[in-house]
Amino acid sequence: MTDLELAGAIISLLPEDAQEKLNGTFDRFEASMEQLKPEGPESQTKFCRFMEVCWLTIYNGRYDYCKLQEGSYSQWRNNAEDKLVQLQRKAAVA
């Protein structure tokens, strides 16, 4: 699964209010990712920045933005994969 697909899957499983908050941000992220080389350093940086915004929205104030910026691409990728699994389980139970 590409970074773009992973981010899209997470967004699609979020509650409606979070989806609304992230909708424009995801659209811009998607457009920029389509212009970049997959798995390149620029696309990895874009993915990290998008996930930071996502975390700020999902967890609504529980994280400090400066701390989120310290995460590496591999950390964000793991966080995103874990969040996707959590959201998929939650959706399956509901």
PDB file of N, CA and C in Angstrom:
ATOM      1  N   MET A   1       0.844  -1.166   0.000  1.00  0.00           N
ATOM      2  CA  MET A   1       0.000   0.000   0.000  1.00  0.00           C
ATOM      3  C   MET A   1       0.897   1.239   0.000  1.00  0.00           C
ATOM      4  N   THR A   2       0.591   2.151  -0.898  1.00  0.00           N
ATOM      5  CA  THR A   2       1.378   3.391  -0.976  1.00  0.00           C
ATOM      6  C   THR A   2       1.013   4.314   0.184  1.00  0.00           C
ATOM      7  N   ASP A   3       1.833   5.326   0.383  1.00  0.00           N
ATOM      8  CA  ASP A   3       1.542   6.311   1.421  1.00  0.00           C
ATOM      9  C   ASP A   3       0.211   6.995   1.172  1.00  0.00           C
ATOM     10  N   LEU A   4      -0.058   7.327  -0.074  1.00  0.00           N
ATOM     11  CA  LEU A   4      -1.308   7.988  -0.434  1.00  0.00           C
ATOM     12  C   LEU A   4      -2.504   7.077  -0.150  1.00  0.00           C
ATOM     13  N   GLU A   5      -2.396   5.809  -0.512  1.00  0.00           N
ATOM     14  CA  GLU A   5      -3.476   4.862  -0.252  1.00  0.00           C
ATOM     15  C   GLU A   5      -3.697   4.680   1.250  1.00  0.00           C
ATOM     16  N   LEU A   6      -2.605   4.602   1.993  1.00  0.00           N
ATOM     17  CA  LEU A   6      -2.695   4.448   3.443  1.00  0.00           C
ATOM     18  C   LEU A   6      -3.395   5.650   4.071  1.00  0.00           C
ATOM     19  N   ALA A   7      -2.983   6.840   3.690  1.00  0.00           N
ATOM     20  CA  ALA A   7      -3.607   8.052   4.217  1.00  0.00           C
ATOM     21  C   ALA A   7      -5.089   8.103   3.841  1.00  0.00           C
ATOM     22  N   GLY A   8      -5.407   7.757   2.611  1.00  0.00           N
ATOM     23  CA  GLY A   8      -6.805   7.760   2.167  1.00  0.00           C
ATOM     24  C   GLY A   8      -7.650   6.753   2.924  1.00  0.00           C
ATOM     25  N   ALA A   9      -7.083   5.584   3.199  1.00  0.00           N
ATOM     26  CA  ALA A   9      -7.814   4.562   3.951  1.00  0.00           C
ATOM     27  C   ALA A   9      -8.092   5.035   5.371  1.00  0.00           C
ATOM     28  N   ILE A  10      -7.124   5.683   5.983  1.00  0.00           N
ATOM     29  CA  ILE A  10      -7.326   6.216   7.334  1.00  0.00           C
ATOM     30  C   ILE A  10      -8.426   7.255   7.330  1.00  0.00           C
ATOM     31  N   ILE A  11      -8.351   8.193   6.401  1.00  0.00           N
ATOM     32  CA  ILE A  11      -9.349   9.265   6.328  1.00  0.00           C
ATOM     33  C   ILE A  11     -10.745   8.684   6.132  1.00  0.00           C
ATOM     34  N   SER A  12     -10.866   7.684   5.285  1.00  0.00           N
ATOM     35  CA  SER A  12     -12.184   7.117   4.994  1.00  0.00           C
ATOM     36  C   SER A  12     -12.818   6.428   6.195  1.00  0.00           C
ATOM     37  N   LEU A  13     -12.011   6.023   7.173  1.00  0.00           N
ATOM     38  CA  LEU A  13     -12.533   5.329   8.347  1.00  0.00           C
ATOM     39  C   LEU A  13     -12.720   6.225   9.572  1.00  0.00           C
ATOM     40  N   LEU A  14     -12.329   7.473   9.457  1.00  0.00           N
ATOM     41  CA  LEU A  14     -12.476   8.402  10.572  1.00  0.00           C
ATOM     42  C   LEU A  14     -13.936   8.830  10.721  1.00  0.00           C
ATOM     43  N   PRO A  15     -14.293   9.286  11.913  1.00  0.00           N
ATOM     44  CA  PRO A  15     -15.648   9.840  12.083  1.00  0.00           C
ATOM     45  C   PRO A  15     -15.865  11.016  11.130  1.00  0.00           C
ATOM     46  N   GLU A  16     -17.107  11.268  10.832  1.00  0.00           N
ATOM     47  CA  GLU A  16     -17.462  12.283   9.838  1.00  0.00           C
ATOM     48  C   GLU A  16     -16.894  13.667  10.150  1.00  0.00           C
ATOM     49  N   ASP A  17     -16.909  14.068  11.418  1.00  0.00           N
ATOM     50  CA  ASP A  17     -16.401  15.401  11.758  1.00  0.00           C
ATOM     51  C   ASP A  17     -14.905  15.513  11.477  1.00  0.00           C
ATOM     52  N   ALA A  18     -14.146  14.461  11.745  1.00  0.00           N
ATOM     53  CA  ALA A  18     -12.707  14.473  11.449  1.00  0.00           C
ATOM     54  C   ALA A  18     -12.471  14.465   9.942  1.00  0.00           C
ATOM     55  N   GLN A  19     -13.287  13.722   9.207  1.00  0.00           N
ATOM     56  CA  GLN A  19     -13.163  13.705   7.747  1.00  0.00           C
ATOM     57  C   GLN A  19     -13.384  15.100   7.180  1.00  0.00           C
ATOM     58  N   GLU A  20     -14.391  15.778   7.688  1.00  0.00           N
ATOM     59  CA  GLU A  20     -14.684  17.133   7.211  1.00  0.00           C
ATOM     60  C   GLU A  20     -13.518  18.078   7.477  1.00  0.00           C
ATOM     61  N   LYS A  21     -12.918  17.964   8.648  1.00  0.00           N
ATOM     62  CA  LYS A  21     -11.786  18.820   8.998  1.00  0.00           C
ATOM     63  C   LYS A  21     -10.577  18.556   8.106  1.00  0.00           C
ATOM     64  N   LEU A  22     -10.387  17.306   7.714  1.00  0.00           N
ATOM     65  CA  LEU A  22      -9.198  16.923   6.942  1.00  0.00           C
ATOM     66  C   LEU A  22      -9.432  16.896   5.441  1.00  0.00           C
ATOM     67  N   ASN A  23     -10.644  17.108   4.991  1.00  0.00           N
ATOM     68  CA  ASN A  23     -10.980  16.957   3.581  1.00  0.00           C
ATOM     69  C   ASN A  23     -10.114  17.808   2.659  1.00  0.00           C
ATOM     70  N   GLY A  24     -10.037  19.102   2.887  1.00  0.00           N
ATOM     71  CA  GLY A  24      -9.237  19.979   2.032  1.00  0.00           C
ATOM     72  C   GLY A  24      -7.755  19.676   2.135  1.00  0.00           C
ATOM     73  N   THR A  25      -7.312  19.352   3.343  1.00  0.00           N
ATOM     74  CA  THR A  25      -5.904  19.003   3.552  1.00  0.00           C
ATOM     75  C   THR A  25      -5.552  17.742   2.780  1.00  0.00           C
ATOM     76  N   PHE A  26      -6.446  16.758   2.816  1.00  0.00           N
ATOM     77  CA  PHE A  26      -6.176  15.522   2.073  1.00  0.00           C
ATOM     78  C   PHE A  26      -6.166  15.783   0.572  1.00  0.00           C
ATOM     79  N   ASP A  27      -7.068  16.612   0.091  1.00  0.00           N
ATOM     80  CA  ASP A  27      -7.098  16.932  -1.342  1.00  0.00           C
ATOM     81  C   ASP A  27      -5.773  17.539  -1.798  1.00  0.00           C
ATOM     82  N   ARG A  28      -5.243  18.458  -1.006  1.00  0.00           N
ATOM     83  CA  ARG A  28      -3.941  19.076  -1.340  1.00  0.00           C
ATOM     84  C   ARG A  28      -2.811  18.049  -1.248  1.00  0.00           C
ATOM     85  N   PHE A  29      -2.863  17.201  -0.235  1.00  0.00           N
ATOM     86  CA  PHE A  29      -1.863  16.148  -0.069  1.00  0.00           C
ATOM     87  C   PHE A  29      -1.891  15.205  -1.274  1.00  0.00           C
ATOM     88  N   GLU A  30      -3.075  14.798  -1.673  1.00  0.00           N
ATOM     89  CA  GLU A  30      -3.236  13.893  -2.811  1.00  0.00           C
ATOM     90  C   GLU A  30      -2.682  14.521  -4.090  1.00  0.00           C
ATOM     91  N   ALA A  31      -3.004  15.777  -4.336  1.00  0.00           N
ATOM     92  CA  ALA A  31      -2.525  16.457  -5.544  1.00  0.00           C
ATOM     93  C   ALA A  31      -1.005  16.561  -5.551  1.00  0.00           C
ATOM     94  N   SER A  32      -0.417  16.882  -4.413  1.00  0.00           N
ATOM     95  CA  SER A  32       1.043  17.006  -4.378  1.00  0.00           C
ATOM     96  C   SER A  32       1.722  15.644  -4.482  1.00  0.00           C
ATOM     97  N   MET A  33       1.138  14.620  -3.895  1.00  0.00           N
ATOM     98  CA  MET A  33       1.738  13.278  -3.960  1.00  0.00           C
ATOM     99  C   MET A  33       1.718  12.739  -5.394  1.00  0.00           C
ATOM    100  N   GLU A  34       0.701  13.089  -6.147  1.00  0.00           N
ATOM    101  CA  GLU A  34       0.611  12.632  -7.530  1.00  0.00           C
ATOM    102  C   GLU A  34       1.689  13.264  -8.402  1.00  0.00           C
ATOM    103  N   GLN A  35       2.230  14.393  -7.968  1.00  0.00           N
ATOM    104  CA  GLN A  35       3.277  15.092  -8.713  1.00  0.00           C
ATOM    105  C   GLN A  35       4.679  14.592  -8.359  1.00  0.00           C
ATOM    106  N   LEU A  36       4.805  13.887  -7.232  1.00  0.00           N
ATOM    107  CA  LEU A  36       6.119  13.465  -6.742  1.00  0.00           C
ATOM    108  C   LEU A  36       6.418  12.018  -7.064  1.00  0.00           C
ATOM    109  N   LYS A  37       7.697  11.704  -7.059  1.00  0.00           N
ATOM    110  CA  LYS A  37       8.140  10.328  -7.262  1.00  0.00           C
ATOM    111  C   LYS A  37       7.767   9.499  -6.025  1.00  0.00           C
ATOM    112  N   PRO A  38       7.048   8.383  -6.220  1.00  0.00           N
ATOM    113  CA  PRO A  38       6.682   7.547  -5.068  1.00  0.00           C
ATOM    114  C   PRO A  38       7.929   7.075  -4.313  1.00  0.00           C
ATOM    115  N   GLU A  39       7.817   7.059  -3.017  1.00  0.00           N
ATOM    116  CA  GLU A  39       8.888   6.594  -2.133  1.00  0.00           C
ATOM    117  C   GLU A  39      10.129   7.473  -2.161  1.00  0.00           C
ATOM    118  N   GLY A  40      10.043   8.630  -2.800  1.00  0.00           N
ATOM    119  CA  GLY A  40      11.171   9.557  -2.804  1.00  0.00           C
ATOM    120  C   GLY A  40      11.194  10.376  -1.531  1.00  0.00           C
ATOM    121  N   PRO A  41      12.292  11.068  -1.273  1.00  0.00           N
ATOM    122  CA  PRO A  41      12.399  11.843  -0.032  1.00  0.00           C
ATOM    123  C   PRO A  41      11.348  12.949   0.084  1.00  0.00           C
ATOM    124  N   GLU A  42      11.002  13.580  -1.017  1.00  0.00           N
ATOM    125  CA  GLU A  42       9.989  14.639  -0.960  1.00  0.00           C
ATOM    126  C   GLU A  42       8.612  14.071  -0.622  1.00  0.00           C
ATOM    127  N   SER A  43       8.272  12.933  -1.212  1.00  0.00           N
ATOM    128  CA  SER A  43       6.968  12.334  -0.916  1.00  0.00           C
ATOM    129  C   SER A  43       6.925  11.815   0.517  1.00  0.00           C
ATOM    130  N   GLN A  44       8.048  11.328   1.014  1.00  0.00           N
ATOM    131  CA  GLN A  44       8.086  10.873   2.407  1.00  0.00           C
ATOM    132  C   GLN A  44       7.897  12.046   3.368  1.00  0.00           C
ATOM    133  N   THR A  45       8.498  13.179   3.048  1.00  0.00           N
ATOM    134  CA  THR A  45       8.331  14.379   3.872  1.00  0.00           C
ATOM    135  C   THR A  45       6.882  14.847   3.845  1.00  0.00           C
ATOM    136  N   LYS A  46       6.265  14.838   2.665  1.00  0.00           N
ATOM    137  CA  LYS A  46       4.852  15.233   2.544  1.00  0.00           C
ATOM    138  C   LYS A  46       3.966  14.310   3.375  1.00  0.00           C
ATOM    139  N   PHE A  47       4.268  13.016   3.327  1.00  0.00           N
ATOM    140  CA  PHE A  47       3.495  12.048   4.105  1.00  0.00           C
ATOM    141  C   PHE A  47       3.612  12.353   5.606  1.00  0.00           C
ATOM    142  N   CYS A  48       4.816  12.612   6.059  1.00  0.00           N
ATOM    143  CA  CYS A  48       5.032  12.939   7.476  1.00  0.00           C
ATOM    144  C   CYS A  48       4.245  14.181   7.871  1.00  0.00           C
ATOM    145  N   ARG A  49       4.308  15.230   7.047  1.00  0.00           N
ATOM    146  CA  ARG A  49       3.589  16.466   7.364  1.00  0.00           C
ATOM    147  C   ARG A  49       2.075  16.228   7.395  1.00  0.00           C
ATOM    148  N   PHE A  50       1.575  15.427   6.452  1.00  0.00           N
ATOM    149  CA  PHE A  50       0.144  15.133   6.441  1.00  0.00           C
ATOM    150  C   PHE A  50      -0.258  14.349   7.685  1.00  0.00           C
ATOM    151  N   MET A  51       0.551  13.381   8.067  1.00  0.00           N
ATOM    152  CA  MET A  51       0.221  12.583   9.246  1.00  0.00           C
ATOM    153  C   MET A  51       0.279  13.424  10.516  1.00  0.00           C
ATOM    154  N   GLU A  52       1.158  14.407  10.568  1.00  0.00           N
ATOM    155  CA  GLU A  52       1.197  15.311  11.723  1.00  0.00           C
ATOM    156  C   GLU A  52      -0.137  16.042  11.854  1.00  0.00           C
ATOM    157  N   VAL A  53      -0.630  16.581  10.746  1.00  0.00           N
ATOM    158  CA  VAL A  53      -1.911  17.285  10.748  1.00  0.00           C
ATOM    159  C   VAL A  53      -3.040  16.322  11.109  1.00  0.00           C
ATOM    160  N   CYS A  54      -2.951  15.133  10.589  1.00  0.00           N
ATOM    161  CA  CYS A  54      -3.947  14.105  10.872  1.00  0.00           C
ATOM    162  C   CYS A  54      -3.993  13.814  12.381  1.00  0.00           C
ATOM    163  N   TRP A  55      -2.842  13.636  12.978  1.00  0.00           N
ATOM    164  CA  TRP A  55      -2.758  13.336  14.416  1.00  0.00           C
ATOM    165  C   TRP A  55      -3.305  14.487  15.243  1.00  0.00           C
ATOM    166  N   LEU A  56      -2.986  15.705  14.841  1.00  0.00           N
ATOM    167  CA  LEU A  56      -3.511  16.862  15.558  1.00  0.00           C
ATOM    168  C   LEU A  56      -5.034  16.890  15.495  1.00  0.00           C
ATOM    169  N   THR A  57      -5.591  16.488  14.378  1.00  0.00           N
ATOM    170  CA  THR A  57      -7.041  16.473  14.205  1.00  0.00           C
ATOM    171  C   THR A  57      -7.681  15.305  14.947  1.00  0.00           C
ATOM    172  N   ILE A  58      -7.118  14.126  14.788  1.00  0.00           N
ATOM    173  CA  ILE A  58      -7.692  12.927  15.402  1.00  0.00           C
ATOM    174  C   ILE A  58      -7.639  13.007  16.927  1.00  0.00           C
ATOM    175  N   TYR A  59      -6.493  13.414  17.434  1.00  0.00           N
ATOM    176  CA  TYR A  59      -6.292  13.392  18.880  1.00  0.00           C
ATOM    177  C   TYR A  59      -6.551  14.732  19.549  1.00  0.00           C
ATOM    178  N   ASN A  60      -6.988  15.720  18.806  1.00  0.00           N
ATOM    179  CA  ASN A  60      -7.490  17.003  19.292  1.00  0.00           C
ATOM    180  C   ASN A  60      -6.789  17.536  20.548  1.00  0.00           C
ATOM    181  N   GLY A  61      -5.542  17.938  20.363  1.00  0.00           N
ATOM    182  CA  GLY A  61      -4.840  18.610  21.436  1.00  0.00           C
ATOM    183  C   GLY A  61      -4.045  17.734  22.380  1.00  0.00           C
ATOM    184  N   ARG A  62      -4.031  16.443  22.163  1.00  0.00           N
ATOM    185  CA  ARG A  62      -3.274  15.573  23.062  1.00  0.00           C
ATOM    186  C   ARG A  62      -1.793  15.513  22.716  1.00  0.00           C
ATOM    187  N   TYR A  63      -1.429  16.057  21.579  1.00  0.00           N
ATOM    188  CA  TYR A  63      -0.029  16.023  21.150  1.00  0.00           C
ATOM    189  C   TYR A  63       0.474  17.439  20.896  1.00  0.00           C
ATOM    190  N   ASP A  64       1.734  17.649  21.172  1.00  0.00           N
ATOM    191  CA  ASP A  64       2.408  18.909  20.895  1.00  0.00           C
ATOM    192  C   ASP A  64       2.952  18.833  19.463  1.00  0.00           C
ATOM    193  N   TYR A  65       2.638  19.833  18.657  1.00  0.00           N
ATOM    194  CA  TYR A  65       3.062  19.819  17.253  1.00  0.00           C
ATOM    195  C   TYR A  65       4.576  19.703  17.109  1.00  0.00           C
ATOM    196  N   CYS A  66       5.316  20.374  17.974  1.00  0.00           N
ATOM    197  CA  CYS A  66       6.788  20.302  17.902  1.00  0.00           C
ATOM    198  C   CYS A  66       7.273  18.872  18.106  1.00  0.00           C
ATOM    199  N   LYS A  67       6.643  18.150  19.021  1.00  0.00           N
ATOM    200  CA  LYS A  67       7.024  16.747  19.259  1.00  0.00           C
ATOM    201  C   LYS A  67       6.670  15.881  18.053  1.00  0.00           C
ATOM    202  N   LEU A  68       5.535  16.155  17.438  1.00  0.00           N
ATOM    203  CA  LEU A  68       5.126  15.369  16.266  1.00  0.00           C
ATOM    204  C   LEU A  68       6.122  15.542  15.124  1.00  0.00           C
ATOM    205  N   GLN A  69       6.686  16.721  14.992  1.00  0.00           N
ATOM    206  CA  GLN A  69       7.632  16.987  13.911  1.00  0.00           C
ATOM    207  C   GLN A  69       8.938  16.217  14.063  1.00  0.00           C
ATOM    208  N   GLU A  70       9.199  15.693  15.225  1.00  0.00           N
ATOM    209  CA  GLU A  70      10.430  14.943  15.461  1.00  0.00           C
ATOM    210  C   GLU A  70      10.372  13.524  14.896  1.00  0.00           C
ATOM    211  N   GLY A  71       9.187  13.058  14.544  1.00  0.00           N
ATOM    212  CA  GLY A  71       9.038  11.688  14.046  1.00  0.00           C
ATOM    213  C   GLY A  71       9.659  11.493  12.670  1.00  0.00           C
ATOM    214  N   SER A  72      10.285  10.343  12.487  1.00  0.00           N
ATOM    215  CA  SER A  72      10.872   9.997  11.190  1.00  0.00           C
ATOM    216  C   SER A  72       9.803   9.392  10.281  1.00  0.00           C
ATOM    217  N   TYR A  73      10.159   9.235   9.023  1.00  0.00           N
ATOM    218  CA  TYR A  73       9.222   8.632   8.072  1.00  0.00           C
ATOM    219  C   TYR A  73       8.803   7.238   8.536  1.00  0.00           C
ATOM    220  N   SER A  74       9.752   6.422   8.958  1.00  0.00           N
ATOM    221  CA  SER A  74       9.415   5.051   9.369  1.00  0.00           C
ATOM    222  C   SER A  74       8.495   5.055  10.589  1.00  0.00           C
ATOM    223  N   GLN A  75       8.703   5.995  11.507  1.00  0.00           N
ATOM    224  CA  GLN A  75       7.808   6.092  12.662  1.00  0.00           C
ATOM    225  C   GLN A  75       6.401   6.466  12.228  1.00  0.00           C
ATOM    226  N   TRP A  76       6.299   7.431  11.324  1.00  0.00           N
ATOM    227  CA  TRP A  76       4.979   7.847  10.853  1.00  0.00           C
ATOM    228  C   TRP A  76       4.302   6.745  10.057  1.00  0.00           C
ATOM    229  N   ARG A  77       5.070   6.027   9.290  1.00  0.00           N
ATOM    230  CA  ARG A  77       4.500   4.923   8.520  1.00  0.00           C
ATOM    231  C   ARG A  77       3.944   3.855   9.473  1.00  0.00           C
ATOM    232  N   ASN A  78       4.710   3.524  10.509  1.00  0.00           N
ATOM    233  CA  ASN A  78       4.241   2.548  11.501  1.00  0.00           C
ATOM    234  C   ASN A  78       3.014   3.061  12.250  1.00  0.00           C
ATOM    235  N   ASN A  79       3.045   4.345  12.656  1.00  0.00           N
ATOM    236  CA  ASN A  79       1.884   4.927  13.334  1.00  0.00           C
ATOM    237  C   ASN A  79       0.641   4.859  12.454  1.00  0.00           C
ATOM    238  N   ALA A  80       0.809   5.177  11.183  1.00  0.00           N
ATOM    239  CA  ALA A  80      -0.314   5.178  10.250  1.00  0.00           C
ATOM    240  C   ALA A  80      -0.858   3.764  10.053  1.00  0.00           C
ATOM    241  N   GLU A  81       0.020   2.793   9.904  1.00  0.00           N
ATOM    242  CA  GLU A  81      -0.429   1.407   9.734  1.00  0.00           C
ATOM    243  C   GLU A  81      -1.168   0.921  10.979  1.00  0.00           C
ATOM    244  N   ASP A  82      -0.655   1.270  12.156  1.00  0.00           N
ATOM    245  CA  ASP A  82      -1.320   0.892  13.406  1.00  0.00           C
ATOM    246  C   ASP A  82      -2.693   1.552  13.518  1.00  0.00           C
ATOM    247  N   LYS A  83      -2.776   2.831  13.173  1.00  0.00           N
ATOM    248  CA  LYS A  83      -4.045   3.552  13.233  1.00  0.00           C
ATOM    249  C   LYS A  83      -5.046   2.942  12.263  1.00  0.00           C
ATOM    250  N   LEU A  84      -4.595   2.546  11.078  1.00  0.00           N
ATOM    251  CA  LEU A  84      -5.487   1.923  10.110  1.00  0.00           C
ATOM    252  C   LEU A  84      -6.067   0.628  10.677  1.00  0.00           C
ATOM    253  N   VAL A  85      -5.235  -0.191  11.283  1.00  0.00           N
ATOM    254  CA  VAL A  85      -5.711  -1.449  11.878  1.00  0.00           C
ATOM    255  C   VAL A  85      -6.733  -1.160  12.975  1.00  0.00           C
ATOM    256  N   GLN A  86      -6.452  -0.164  13.820  1.00  0.00           N
ATOM    257  CA  GLN A  86      -7.397   0.206  14.887  1.00  0.00           C
ATOM    258  C   GLN A  86      -8.734   0.642  14.301  1.00  0.00           C
ATOM    259  N   LEU A  87      -8.679   1.471  13.290  1.00  0.00           N
ATOM    260  CA  LEU A  87      -9.912   1.968  12.678  1.00  0.00           C
ATOM    261  C   LEU A  87     -10.687   0.852  11.974  1.00  0.00           C
ATOM    262  N   GLN A  88      -9.969  -0.081  11.347  1.00  0.00           N
ATOM    263  CA  GLN A  88     -10.619  -1.202  10.682  1.00  0.00           C
ATOM    264  C   GLN A  88     -11.321  -2.104  11.708  1.00  0.00           C
ATOM    265  N   ARG A  89     -10.659  -2.331  12.829  1.00  0.00           N
ATOM    266  CA  ARG A  89     -11.280  -3.146  13.886  1.00  0.00           C
ATOM    267  C   ARG A  89     -12.519  -2.445  14.444  1.00  0.00           C
ATOM    268  N   LYS A  90     -12.414  -1.154  14.666  1.00  0.00           N
ATOM    269  CA  LYS A  90     -13.535  -0.386  15.187  1.00  0.00           C
ATOM    270  C   LYS A  90     -14.715  -0.435  14.216  1.00  0.00           C
ATOM    271  N   ALA A  91     -14.413  -0.324  12.919  1.00  0.00           N
ATOM    272  CA  ALA A  91     -15.456  -0.365  11.897  1.00  0.00           C
ATOM    273  C   ALA A  91     -16.117  -1.746  11.823  1.00  0.00           C
ATOM    274  N   ALA A  92     -15.307  -2.790  12.019  1.00  0.00           N
ATOM    275  CA  ALA A  92     -15.837  -4.152  11.965  1.00  0.00           C
ATOM    276  C   ALA A  92     -16.761  -4.437  13.150  1.00  0.00           C
ATOM    277  N   VAL A  93     -16.451  -3.860  14.287  1.00  0.00           N
ATOM    278  CA  VAL A  93     -17.279  -4.067  15.483  1.00  0.00           C
ATOM    279  C   VAL A  93     -18.585  -3.308  15.358  1.00  0.00           C
ATOM    280  N   ALA A  94     -18.521  -2.137  14.743  1.00  0.00           N
ATOM    281  CA  ALA A  94     -19.737  -1.300  14.627  1.00  0.00           C
ATOM    282  C   ALA A  94     -20.664  -1.807  13.606  1.00  0.00           C
TER     283      ALA A  94
END
